[in-house]
Amino acid sequence: MKKSNFNFDVLDVPDSIRNKLIELSTSIDINKRSRKGSNGWLFFGQNRIHKQKVALKFYDWGGEPKYHAEPKNLAAIDSNNVI
């Protein structure tokens, strides 16, 4: 697999997220981080095999239920594009 050009070393994210991004980079060419949004970290890339564009969001909802609505709503979507 091709190595990602994304510089994971400069990310200001928890080590667990950095490590997961490095792991995912074997199958996803991660090429951008969004600074917009809240409750977590958002990255964009492209699947290396079928070339579909993907978004990766890691949530940090701080344990407050009012901030947990977005992942619950996404989990309810019945689509091959949401996991």
C-alpha atoms as a PDB file:
ATOM      1  CA  MET A   1       0.000   0.000   0.000  1.00  0.00           C
ATOM      2  CA  LYS A   2       1.100   3.535  -0.719  1.00  0.00           C
ATOM      3  CA  LYS A   3       2.197   5.557   2.304  1.00  0.00           C
ATOM      4  CA  SER A   4       0.057   8.559   3.206  1.00  0.00           C
ATOM      5  CA  ASN A   5       1.402  12.060   2.537  1.00  0.00           C
ATOM      6  CA  PHE A   6      -0.532  13.358   5.542  1.00  0.00           C
ATOM      7  CA  ASN A   7       1.735  14.500   8.395  1.00  0.00           C
ATOM      8  CA  PHE A   8       0.289  12.748  11.450  1.00  0.00           C
ATOM      9  CA  ASP A   9       3.133  13.942  13.702  1.00  0.00           C
ATOM     10  CA  VAL A  10       1.912  17.554  13.822  1.00  0.00           C
ATOM     11  CA  LEU A  11      -1.714  16.791  14.728  1.00  0.00           C
ATOM     12  CA  ASP A  12      -2.970  18.246  18.000  1.00  0.00           C
ATOM     13  CA  VAL A  13      -5.192  15.256  18.749  1.00  0.00           C
ATOM     14  CA  PRO A  14      -5.061  12.581  21.453  1.00  0.00           C
ATOM     15  CA  ASP A  15      -2.586   9.759  20.789  1.00  0.00           C
ATOM     16  CA  SER A  16      -5.434   7.236  20.473  1.00  0.00           C
ATOM     17  CA  ILE A  17      -6.893   9.214  17.544  1.00  0.00           C
ATOM     18  CA  ARG A  18      -3.495   9.724  15.903  1.00  0.00           C
ATOM     19  CA  ASN A  19      -2.810   5.987  16.167  1.00  0.00           C
ATOM     20  CA  LYS A  20      -6.210   5.100  14.682  1.00  0.00           C
ATOM     21  CA  LEU A  21      -5.657   7.537  11.776  1.00  0.00           C
ATOM     22  CA  ILE A  22      -2.280   5.948  11.059  1.00  0.00           C
ATOM     23  CA  GLU A  23      -3.933   2.517  11.103  1.00  0.00           C
ATOM     24  CA  LEU A  24      -6.745   3.690   8.804  1.00  0.00           C
ATOM     25  CA  SER A  25      -4.265   5.315   6.424  1.00  0.00           C
ATOM     26  CA  THR A  26      -3.369   1.881   5.045  1.00  0.00           C
ATOM     27  CA  SER A  27      -6.798   1.775   3.361  1.00  0.00           C
ATOM     28  CA  ILE A  28      -7.742   5.459   3.288  1.00  0.00           C
ATOM     29  CA  ASP A  29      -5.631   8.247   1.816  1.00  0.00           C
ATOM     30  CA  ILE A  30      -6.273  10.883   4.492  1.00  0.00           C
ATOM     31  CA  ASN A  31      -5.651  14.289   2.948  1.00  0.00           C
ATOM     32  CA  LYS A  32      -7.373  16.987   4.976  1.00  0.00           C
ATOM     33  CA  ARG A  33      -8.440  17.962   8.474  1.00  0.00           C
ATOM     34  CA  SER A  34     -11.373  20.262   9.025  1.00  0.00           C
ATOM     35  CA  ARG A  35     -11.088  22.949  11.684  1.00  0.00           C
ATOM     36  CA  LYS A  36     -14.840  23.594  11.518  1.00  0.00           C
ATOM     37  CA  GLY A  37     -17.416  21.830  13.618  1.00  0.00           C
ATOM     38  CA  SER A  38     -17.426  20.807  17.220  1.00  0.00           C
ATOM     39  CA  ASN A  39     -17.529  17.815  19.537  1.00  0.00           C
ATOM     40  CA  GLY A  40     -14.507  16.154  18.004  1.00  0.00           C
ATOM     41  CA  TRP A  41     -12.121  15.918  15.076  1.00  0.00           C
ATOM     42  CA  LEU A  42     -13.052  15.642  11.394  1.00  0.00           C
ATOM     43  CA  PHE A  43     -10.817  14.321   8.603  1.00  0.00           C
ATOM     44  CA  PHE A  44     -11.363  13.713   4.900  1.00  0.00           C
ATOM     45  CA  GLY A  45      -9.806  11.238   2.531  1.00  0.00           C
ATOM     46  CA  GLN A  46     -10.352   8.729  -0.224  1.00  0.00           C
ATOM     47  CA  ASN A  47     -10.602   4.962  -0.051  1.00  0.00           C
ATOM     48  CA  ARG A  48      -7.457   3.584  -1.710  1.00  0.00           C
ATOM     49  CA  ILE A  49      -9.244   0.668  -3.413  1.00  0.00           C
ATOM     50  CA  HIS A  50     -12.579   1.925  -4.715  1.00  0.00           C
ATOM     51  CA  LYS A  51     -11.679   5.665  -4.661  1.00  0.00           C
ATOM     52  CA  GLN A  52     -14.814   6.727  -2.789  1.00  0.00           C
ATOM     53  CA  LYS A  53     -14.409   9.952  -0.793  1.00  0.00           C
ATOM     54  CA  VAL A  54     -14.821   9.489   2.946  1.00  0.00           C
ATOM     55  CA  ALA A  55     -15.157  11.570   6.085  1.00  0.00           C
ATOM     56  CA  LEU A  56     -13.845  10.343   9.422  1.00  0.00           C
ATOM     57  CA  LYS A  57     -15.163  11.920  12.602  1.00  0.00           C
ATOM     58  CA  PHE A  58     -13.890  11.136  16.068  1.00  0.00           C
ATOM     59  CA  TYR A  59     -16.248  12.353  18.779  1.00  0.00           C
ATOM     60  CA  ASP A  60     -15.393  13.912  22.119  1.00  0.00           C
ATOM     61  CA  TRP A  61     -18.729  14.657  23.664  1.00  0.00           C
ATOM     62  CA  GLY A  62     -17.365  15.174  27.177  1.00  0.00           C
ATOM     63  CA  GLY A  63     -19.813  12.748  28.772  1.00  0.00           C
ATOM     64  CA  GLU A  64     -22.748  15.182  28.512  1.00  0.00           C
ATOM     65  CA  PRO A  65     -25.803  13.511  26.931  1.00  0.00           C
ATOM     66  CA  LYS A  66     -26.879  16.695  25.109  1.00  0.00           C
ATOM     67  CA  TYR A  67     -23.694  16.454  23.003  1.00  0.00           C
ATOM     68  CA  HIS A  68     -24.195  12.776  22.172  1.00  0.00           C
ATOM     69  CA  ALA A  69     -27.135  13.366  19.791  1.00  0.00           C
ATOM     70  CA  GLU A  70     -25.077  13.566  16.573  1.00  0.00           C
ATOM     71  CA  PRO A  71     -23.439  10.114  16.789  1.00  0.00           C
ATOM     72  CA  LYS A  72     -26.765   8.586  17.867  1.00  0.00           C
ATOM     73  CA  ASN A  73     -28.494  10.143  14.846  1.00  0.00           C
ATOM     74  CA  LEU A  74     -25.745   8.998  12.469  1.00  0.00           C
ATOM     75  CA  ALA A  75     -25.919   5.474  13.869  1.00  0.00           C
ATOM     76  CA  ALA A  76     -29.623   5.381  12.991  1.00  0.00           C
ATOM     77  CA  ILE A  77     -28.937   5.994   9.287  1.00  0.00           C
ATOM     78  CA  ASP A  78     -29.323   2.803   7.274  1.00  0.00           C
ATOM     79  CA  SER A  79     -26.656   3.318   4.617  1.00  0.00           C
ATOM     80  CA  ASN A  80     -23.539   1.555   3.364  1.00  0.00           C
ATOM     81  CA  ASN A  81     -21.806   4.958   3.534  1.00  0.00           C
ATOM     82  CA  VAL A  82     -22.181   5.410   7.294  1.00  0.00           C
ATOM     83  CA  ILE A  83     -20.408   3.100   9.728  1.00  0.00           C
END
